[in-house]
N, C-alpha and C. Protein backbone atom coordinates (compact mmCIF):
# COMPACT_ATOMS: atom_id res chain seq x y z
N MET A 1 -135.40 13.63 148.91
CA MET A 1 -134.78 12.91 147.83
C MET A 1 -135.82 12.11 147.06
N ILE A 2 -136.62 11.33 147.77
CA ILE A 2 -137.69 10.58 147.11
C ILE A 2 -138.69 11.54 146.50
N GLY A 3 -138.95 12.64 147.22
CA GLY A 3 -139.86 13.66 146.70
C GLY A 3 -139.35 14.26 145.41
N GLU A 4 -138.03 14.49 145.34
CA GLU A 4 -137.46 15.05 144.11
C GLU A 4 -137.63 14.08 142.95
N LEU A 5 -137.39 12.80 143.22
CA LEU A 5 -137.53 11.81 142.15
C LEU A 5 -138.97 11.74 141.68
N LEU A 6 -139.90 11.67 142.63
CA LEU A 6 -141.31 11.61 142.26
C LEU A 6 -141.77 12.89 141.57
N ALA A 7 -141.28 14.05 142.04
CA ALA A 7 -141.64 15.31 141.40
C ALA A 7 -141.13 15.36 139.97
N PHE A 8 -139.93 14.84 139.74
CA PHE A 8 -139.40 14.84 138.37
C PHE A 8 -140.27 13.97 137.48
N TRP A 9 -140.67 12.80 137.98
CA TRP A 9 -141.49 11.91 137.18
C TRP A 9 -142.88 12.48 136.96
N MET A 10 -143.42 13.19 137.95
CA MET A 10 -144.76 13.72 137.81
C MET A 10 -144.80 14.98 136.96
N PHE A 11 -143.83 15.87 137.12
CA PHE A 11 -143.89 17.17 136.47
C PHE A 11 -142.92 17.33 135.32
N GLY A 12 -141.93 16.47 135.22
CA GLY A 12 -140.98 16.57 134.12
C GLY A 12 -140.04 17.75 134.29
N ASP A 13 -139.30 18.04 133.27
CA ASP A 13 -138.31 19.11 133.30
C ASP A 13 -138.97 20.41 132.85
N VAL A 14 -139.69 21.06 133.77
CA VAL A 14 -140.41 22.27 133.40
C VAL A 14 -139.58 23.52 133.56
N SER A 15 -138.60 23.50 134.44
CA SER A 15 -137.84 24.72 134.70
C SER A 15 -136.48 24.74 134.05
N GLY A 16 -136.02 23.61 133.56
CA GLY A 16 -134.71 23.56 132.93
C GLY A 16 -133.56 23.49 133.91
N GLU A 17 -133.85 23.41 135.21
CA GLU A 17 -132.78 23.38 136.19
C GLU A 17 -132.56 21.98 136.78
N HIS A 18 -133.20 20.96 136.23
CA HIS A 18 -133.04 19.62 136.78
C HIS A 18 -131.64 19.08 136.58
N ASN A 19 -130.97 19.47 135.48
CA ASN A 19 -129.60 19.02 135.30
C ASN A 19 -128.71 19.53 136.41
N LEU A 20 -129.02 20.70 136.95
CA LEU A 20 -128.24 21.23 138.05
C LEU A 20 -128.53 20.46 139.34
N ARG A 21 -129.72 19.90 139.46
CA ARG A 21 -130.09 19.18 140.67
C ARG A 21 -129.68 17.72 140.64
N TYR A 22 -129.40 17.18 139.46
CA TYR A 22 -128.94 15.79 139.39
C TYR A 22 -127.53 15.71 139.94
N HIS A 23 -127.29 14.70 140.74
CA HIS A 23 -125.93 14.43 141.21
C HIS A 23 -125.79 12.92 141.32
N PRO A 24 -124.63 12.38 140.95
CA PRO A 24 -124.45 10.93 140.98
C PRO A 24 -124.67 10.29 142.35
N VAL A 25 -124.38 11.03 143.42
CA VAL A 25 -124.60 10.47 144.75
C VAL A 25 -126.09 10.21 144.97
N LYS A 26 -126.93 11.09 144.45
CA LYS A 26 -128.38 10.89 144.57
C LYS A 26 -128.80 9.60 143.87
N LEU A 27 -128.19 9.30 142.74
CA LEU A 27 -128.52 8.07 142.02
C LEU A 27 -128.24 6.85 142.89
N VAL A 28 -127.10 6.82 143.53
CA VAL A 28 -126.75 5.68 144.37
C VAL A 28 -127.69 5.59 145.57
N ILE A 29 -128.01 6.72 146.17
CA ILE A 29 -128.94 6.72 147.31
C ILE A 29 -130.32 6.28 146.86
N TRP A 30 -130.79 6.78 145.70
CA TRP A 30 -132.09 6.37 145.17
C TRP A 30 -132.11 4.86 144.92
N THR A 31 -131.00 4.33 144.43
CA THR A 31 -130.93 2.90 144.18
C THR A 31 -131.01 2.11 145.49
N LEU A 32 -130.34 2.58 146.53
CA LEU A 32 -130.42 1.92 147.84
C LEU A 32 -131.84 1.97 148.40
N VAL A 33 -132.51 3.10 148.22
CA VAL A 33 -133.91 3.22 148.66
C VAL A 33 -134.78 2.24 147.87
N ALA A 34 -134.56 2.15 146.57
CA ALA A 34 -135.34 1.23 145.74
C ALA A 34 -135.10 -0.22 146.15
N ILE A 35 -133.86 -0.55 146.50
CA ILE A 35 -133.56 -1.91 146.97
C ILE A 35 -134.31 -2.18 148.27
N ALA A 36 -134.32 -1.21 149.17
CA ALA A 36 -135.04 -1.38 150.44
C ALA A 36 -136.54 -1.57 150.20
N VAL A 37 -137.11 -0.77 149.31
CA VAL A 37 -138.54 -0.91 149.00
C VAL A 37 -138.82 -2.29 148.40
N SER A 38 -137.99 -2.71 147.48
CA SER A 38 -138.17 -4.03 146.86
C SER A 38 -138.04 -5.14 147.87
N ALA A 39 -137.10 -5.01 148.81
CA ALA A 39 -136.91 -6.04 149.83
C ALA A 39 -138.12 -6.12 150.75
N VAL A 40 -138.67 -4.97 151.13
CA VAL A 40 -139.85 -4.97 152.01
C VAL A 40 -141.05 -5.59 151.29
N VAL A 41 -141.26 -5.20 150.05
CA VAL A 41 -142.38 -5.76 149.28
C VAL A 41 -142.19 -7.27 149.10
N SER A 42 -140.98 -7.69 148.82
CA SER A 42 -140.72 -9.12 148.63
C SER A 42 -140.91 -9.89 149.93
N ALA A 43 -140.41 -9.35 151.03
CA ALA A 43 -140.57 -10.03 152.32
C ALA A 43 -142.04 -10.14 152.71
N ALA A 44 -142.81 -9.07 152.45
CA ALA A 44 -144.24 -9.12 152.75
C ALA A 44 -144.94 -10.16 151.88
N ARG A 45 -144.58 -10.20 150.63
CA ARG A 45 -145.19 -11.19 149.73
C ARG A 45 -144.83 -12.61 150.14
N LEU A 46 -143.57 -12.81 150.56
CA LEU A 46 -143.16 -14.13 151.02
C LEU A 46 -143.90 -14.54 152.28
N ALA A 47 -144.08 -13.58 153.19
CA ALA A 47 -144.78 -13.88 154.45
C ALA A 47 -146.24 -14.22 154.21
N LEU A 48 -146.85 -13.55 153.25
CA LEU A 48 -148.28 -13.76 152.99
C LEU A 48 -148.56 -14.95 152.09
N PHE A 49 -147.74 -15.13 151.07
CA PHE A 49 -148.07 -16.12 150.04
C PHE A 49 -147.02 -17.21 149.85
N GLY A 50 -145.92 -17.15 150.57
CA GLY A 50 -144.86 -18.14 150.38
C GLY A 50 -143.97 -17.76 149.21
N GLU A 51 -143.00 -18.60 148.95
CA GLU A 51 -142.04 -18.30 147.89
C GLU A 51 -142.71 -18.39 146.53
N PRO A 52 -142.61 -17.31 145.74
CA PRO A 52 -143.29 -17.30 144.44
C PRO A 52 -142.56 -18.15 143.41
N ARG A 53 -143.32 -18.72 142.54
CA ARG A 53 -142.74 -19.48 141.44
C ARG A 53 -142.70 -18.62 140.18
N THR A 54 -143.68 -17.76 140.02
CA THR A 54 -143.71 -16.84 138.87
C THR A 54 -144.13 -15.47 139.37
N GLY A 55 -143.83 -14.47 138.59
CA GLY A 55 -144.29 -13.13 138.90
C GLY A 55 -143.52 -12.41 139.99
N TRP A 56 -142.40 -12.98 140.46
CA TRP A 56 -141.68 -12.34 141.55
C TRP A 56 -140.90 -11.11 141.07
N ALA A 57 -140.64 -11.01 139.80
CA ALA A 57 -139.84 -9.89 139.28
C ALA A 57 -140.57 -8.55 139.37
N ILE A 58 -141.88 -8.56 139.58
CA ILE A 58 -142.62 -7.30 139.71
C ILE A 58 -142.12 -6.49 140.90
N ALA A 59 -141.62 -7.17 141.93
CA ALA A 59 -141.08 -6.46 143.09
C ALA A 59 -139.80 -5.72 142.77
N LEU A 60 -139.18 -6.04 141.65
CA LEU A 60 -137.94 -5.38 141.25
C LEU A 60 -138.19 -4.11 140.44
N LEU A 61 -139.43 -3.81 140.13
CA LEU A 61 -139.76 -2.63 139.33
C LEU A 61 -139.19 -1.34 139.92
N PRO A 62 -139.23 -1.12 141.24
CA PRO A 62 -138.65 0.12 141.76
C PRO A 62 -137.16 0.29 141.45
N LEU A 63 -136.46 -0.79 141.17
CA LEU A 63 -135.04 -0.69 140.87
C LEU A 63 -134.77 0.01 139.54
N LEU A 64 -135.75 0.01 138.66
CA LEU A 64 -135.58 0.66 137.36
C LEU A 64 -135.70 2.18 137.45
N LEU A 65 -136.43 2.67 138.44
CA LEU A 65 -136.72 4.11 138.49
C LEU A 65 -135.49 5.01 138.68
N PRO A 66 -134.56 4.71 139.60
CA PRO A 66 -133.44 5.63 139.77
C PRO A 66 -132.58 5.80 138.51
N LEU A 67 -132.23 4.69 137.88
CA LEU A 67 -131.39 4.79 136.68
C LEU A 67 -132.15 5.45 135.54
N THR A 68 -133.42 5.14 135.40
CA THR A 68 -134.23 5.77 134.36
C THR A 68 -134.32 7.28 134.60
N GLY A 69 -134.51 7.67 135.85
CA GLY A 69 -134.55 9.10 136.19
C GLY A 69 -133.22 9.78 135.90
N ALA A 70 -132.12 9.09 136.22
CA ALA A 70 -130.80 9.66 135.95
C ALA A 70 -130.57 9.81 134.45
N LEU A 71 -131.01 8.83 133.68
CA LEU A 71 -130.87 8.92 132.22
C LEU A 71 -131.70 10.06 131.66
N ALA A 72 -132.85 10.32 132.27
CA ALA A 72 -133.70 11.40 131.78
C ALA A 72 -133.04 12.76 131.94
N HIS A 73 -132.15 12.88 132.91
CA HIS A 73 -131.43 14.14 133.10
C HIS A 73 -130.29 14.32 132.11
N LYS A 74 -129.92 13.25 131.43
CA LYS A 74 -128.84 13.26 130.44
C LYS A 74 -127.59 13.97 130.97
N PRO A 75 -126.98 13.40 132.02
CA PRO A 75 -125.75 14.00 132.53
C PRO A 75 -124.62 13.82 131.52
N PRO A 76 -123.54 14.56 131.67
CA PRO A 76 -122.40 14.38 130.75
C PRO A 76 -121.90 12.94 130.79
N ARG A 77 -121.54 12.41 129.66
CA ARG A 77 -121.02 11.05 129.51
C ARG A 77 -122.02 9.98 129.94
N TYR A 78 -123.31 10.23 129.73
CA TYR A 78 -124.31 9.25 130.17
C TYR A 78 -124.33 7.99 129.31
N VAL A 79 -123.96 8.08 128.03
CA VAL A 79 -123.96 6.89 127.18
C VAL A 79 -122.85 5.92 127.60
N PRO A 80 -121.60 6.37 127.77
CA PRO A 80 -120.60 5.43 128.28
C PRO A 80 -120.92 4.97 129.70
N GLY A 81 -121.51 5.85 130.50
CA GLY A 81 -121.89 5.47 131.85
C GLY A 81 -122.90 4.34 131.85
N LEU A 82 -123.88 4.43 130.97
CA LEU A 82 -124.89 3.38 130.88
C LEU A 82 -124.28 2.09 130.34
N THR A 83 -123.44 2.20 129.33
CA THR A 83 -122.82 1.01 128.74
C THR A 83 -121.97 0.27 129.76
N TRP A 84 -121.05 0.98 130.39
CA TRP A 84 -120.17 0.35 131.38
C TRP A 84 -120.94 -0.06 132.63
N GLY A 85 -121.92 0.72 133.03
CA GLY A 85 -122.73 0.38 134.20
C GLY A 85 -123.51 -0.90 134.00
N LEU A 86 -124.17 -1.03 132.85
CA LEU A 86 -124.92 -2.26 132.56
C LEU A 86 -124.01 -3.48 132.49
N ALA A 87 -122.85 -3.30 131.86
CA ALA A 87 -121.91 -4.42 131.77
C ALA A 87 -121.42 -4.85 133.15
N ALA A 88 -121.03 -3.89 133.97
CA ALA A 88 -120.54 -4.21 135.32
C ALA A 88 -121.66 -4.79 136.18
N GLY A 89 -122.85 -4.24 136.07
CA GLY A 89 -123.98 -4.76 136.84
C GLY A 89 -124.35 -6.17 136.45
N LEU A 90 -124.32 -6.46 135.17
CA LEU A 90 -124.63 -7.81 134.69
C LEU A 90 -123.61 -8.81 135.19
N VAL A 91 -122.33 -8.45 135.12
CA VAL A 91 -121.28 -9.35 135.60
C VAL A 91 -121.43 -9.58 137.10
N ALA A 92 -121.67 -8.51 137.85
CA ALA A 92 -121.83 -8.64 139.30
C ALA A 92 -123.03 -9.52 139.64
N ALA A 93 -124.14 -9.31 138.97
CA ALA A 93 -125.34 -10.10 139.23
C ALA A 93 -125.11 -11.57 138.90
N LEU A 94 -124.47 -11.85 137.79
CA LEU A 94 -124.22 -13.24 137.42
C LEU A 94 -123.27 -13.93 138.39
N LEU A 95 -122.18 -13.25 138.73
CA LEU A 95 -121.21 -13.86 139.64
C LEU A 95 -121.80 -14.06 141.03
N LEU A 96 -122.52 -13.07 141.52
CA LEU A 96 -123.13 -13.19 142.84
C LEU A 96 -124.25 -14.23 142.83
N GLY A 97 -125.03 -14.28 141.78
CA GLY A 97 -126.09 -15.26 141.67
C GLY A 97 -125.56 -16.68 141.65
N ILE A 98 -124.46 -16.89 140.94
CA ILE A 98 -123.85 -18.22 140.89
C ILE A 98 -123.29 -18.59 142.26
N ASP A 99 -122.63 -17.63 142.92
CA ASP A 99 -122.01 -17.90 144.21
C ASP A 99 -123.05 -18.15 145.30
N MET A 100 -124.13 -17.37 145.29
CA MET A 100 -125.11 -17.46 146.36
C MET A 100 -126.18 -18.51 146.11
N GLY A 101 -126.21 -19.07 144.95
CA GLY A 101 -127.25 -20.04 144.61
C GLY A 101 -127.27 -21.26 145.51
N THR A 102 -126.16 -21.54 146.16
CA THR A 102 -126.11 -22.72 147.02
C THR A 102 -126.35 -22.39 148.49
N THR A 103 -126.28 -21.10 148.86
CA THR A 103 -126.40 -20.77 150.28
C THR A 103 -127.76 -20.23 150.68
N LEU A 104 -128.50 -19.66 149.76
CA LEU A 104 -129.82 -19.11 150.05
C LEU A 104 -130.87 -19.82 149.22
N SER A 105 -132.13 -19.55 149.55
CA SER A 105 -133.19 -20.08 148.70
C SER A 105 -133.06 -19.47 147.32
N SER A 106 -133.64 -20.09 146.36
CA SER A 106 -133.50 -19.60 144.99
C SER A 106 -134.05 -18.19 144.84
N PHE A 107 -135.13 -17.86 145.54
CA PHE A 107 -135.69 -16.52 145.44
C PHE A 107 -134.73 -15.47 145.97
N TRP A 108 -134.25 -15.66 147.21
CA TRP A 108 -133.39 -14.64 147.81
C TRP A 108 -132.04 -14.57 147.12
N ALA A 109 -131.54 -15.68 146.60
CA ALA A 109 -130.29 -15.64 145.86
C ALA A 109 -130.45 -14.80 144.60
N GLY A 110 -131.52 -15.05 143.87
CA GLY A 110 -131.78 -14.26 142.66
C GLY A 110 -132.06 -12.81 142.99
N PHE A 111 -132.84 -12.56 144.01
CA PHE A 111 -133.17 -11.20 144.42
C PHE A 111 -131.91 -10.44 144.82
N THR A 112 -131.07 -11.06 145.64
CA THR A 112 -129.84 -10.41 146.08
C THR A 112 -128.91 -10.13 144.90
N ALA A 113 -128.80 -11.07 144.01
CA ALA A 113 -127.92 -10.88 142.85
C ALA A 113 -128.41 -9.75 141.96
N VAL A 114 -129.71 -9.70 141.70
CA VAL A 114 -130.26 -8.64 140.86
C VAL A 114 -130.09 -7.27 141.53
N CYS A 115 -130.36 -7.20 142.83
CA CYS A 115 -130.19 -5.93 143.55
C CYS A 115 -128.74 -5.48 143.53
N ALA A 116 -127.82 -6.42 143.73
CA ALA A 116 -126.41 -6.08 143.69
C ALA A 116 -126.01 -5.60 142.29
N GLY A 117 -126.56 -6.23 141.27
CA GLY A 117 -126.27 -5.80 139.91
C GLY A 117 -126.75 -4.38 139.65
N PHE A 118 -127.96 -4.04 140.12
CA PHE A 118 -128.45 -2.68 139.97
C PHE A 118 -127.59 -1.69 140.74
N LEU A 119 -127.15 -2.07 141.94
CA LEU A 119 -126.32 -1.18 142.73
C LEU A 119 -124.96 -0.95 142.07
N VAL A 120 -124.34 -2.00 141.57
CA VAL A 120 -123.06 -1.85 140.86
C VAL A 120 -123.26 -1.00 139.62
N CYS A 121 -124.33 -1.23 138.90
CA CYS A 121 -124.62 -0.43 137.71
C CYS A 121 -124.74 1.05 138.06
N SER A 122 -125.46 1.37 139.13
CA SER A 122 -125.63 2.78 139.49
C SER A 122 -124.33 3.39 139.98
N VAL A 123 -123.49 2.63 140.69
CA VAL A 123 -122.20 3.15 141.16
C VAL A 123 -121.29 3.44 139.98
N VAL A 124 -121.23 2.53 139.02
CA VAL A 124 -120.39 2.74 137.84
C VAL A 124 -120.93 3.92 137.02
N PHE A 125 -122.24 3.97 136.83
CA PHE A 125 -122.84 5.09 136.10
C PHE A 125 -122.52 6.41 136.81
N ALA A 126 -122.65 6.42 138.14
CA ALA A 126 -122.36 7.62 138.91
C ALA A 126 -120.90 8.03 138.79
N ALA A 127 -120.00 7.06 138.83
CA ALA A 127 -118.58 7.38 138.72
C ALA A 127 -118.23 7.98 137.37
N ILE A 128 -118.83 7.45 136.32
CA ILE A 128 -118.52 7.96 134.98
C ILE A 128 -119.17 9.32 134.74
N THR A 129 -120.35 9.54 135.28
CA THR A 129 -121.04 10.82 135.05
C THR A 129 -120.75 11.84 136.14
N TRP A 130 -119.81 11.55 137.02
CA TRP A 130 -119.48 12.48 138.09
C TRP A 130 -119.10 13.84 137.50
N PRO A 131 -119.65 14.93 138.06
CA PRO A 131 -119.33 16.25 137.50
C PRO A 131 -117.85 16.58 137.65
N ARG A 132 -117.27 16.99 136.57
CA ARG A 132 -115.86 17.38 136.58
C ARG A 132 -115.77 18.90 136.47
N PRO A 133 -114.82 19.48 137.18
CA PRO A 133 -114.71 20.94 137.12
C PRO A 133 -114.34 21.40 135.70
N GLU A 134 -114.90 22.53 135.37
CA GLU A 134 -114.60 23.11 134.06
C GLU A 134 -113.16 23.64 134.07
N PRO A 135 -112.44 23.45 132.97
CA PRO A 135 -111.08 23.99 132.91
C PRO A 135 -111.12 25.52 132.94
N PRO A 136 -110.14 26.12 133.58
CA PRO A 136 -110.15 27.60 133.66
C PRO A 136 -109.96 28.21 132.28
N GLU A 137 -110.68 29.30 132.06
CA GLU A 137 -110.56 30.00 130.77
C GLU A 137 -109.31 30.86 130.78
N GLU A 138 -108.65 30.92 129.66
CA GLU A 138 -107.44 31.73 129.57
C GLU A 138 -107.70 33.02 128.86
């Protein structure tokens, strides 16, 4: 799965069959993998350098790759999927960030809220772009 994502980014759409290989479930799984990678990088940075005051958002860069890769495949209904996904992700991140701001450190509260927002965005995008069966020809 990670190999497919990296291969797409490295080689692009050379065969024309990438649209057949895109599936919304892969997007959600890629997003979960990106969250795990970001969490490991953030935890390592916290262990080595303490809680960052600036520049902590660089650890969130892997979260952009799954959705960007999915958009590059241009699945059916990707524009409404992106619109509704971003809106739902933003609302989820804001609500979770406000709720968790008192229970965790400011870094982990923000990190968790942003990761949750990306996950909600990818789930909504996946639901809207889910492949639908073609109607039977008469």
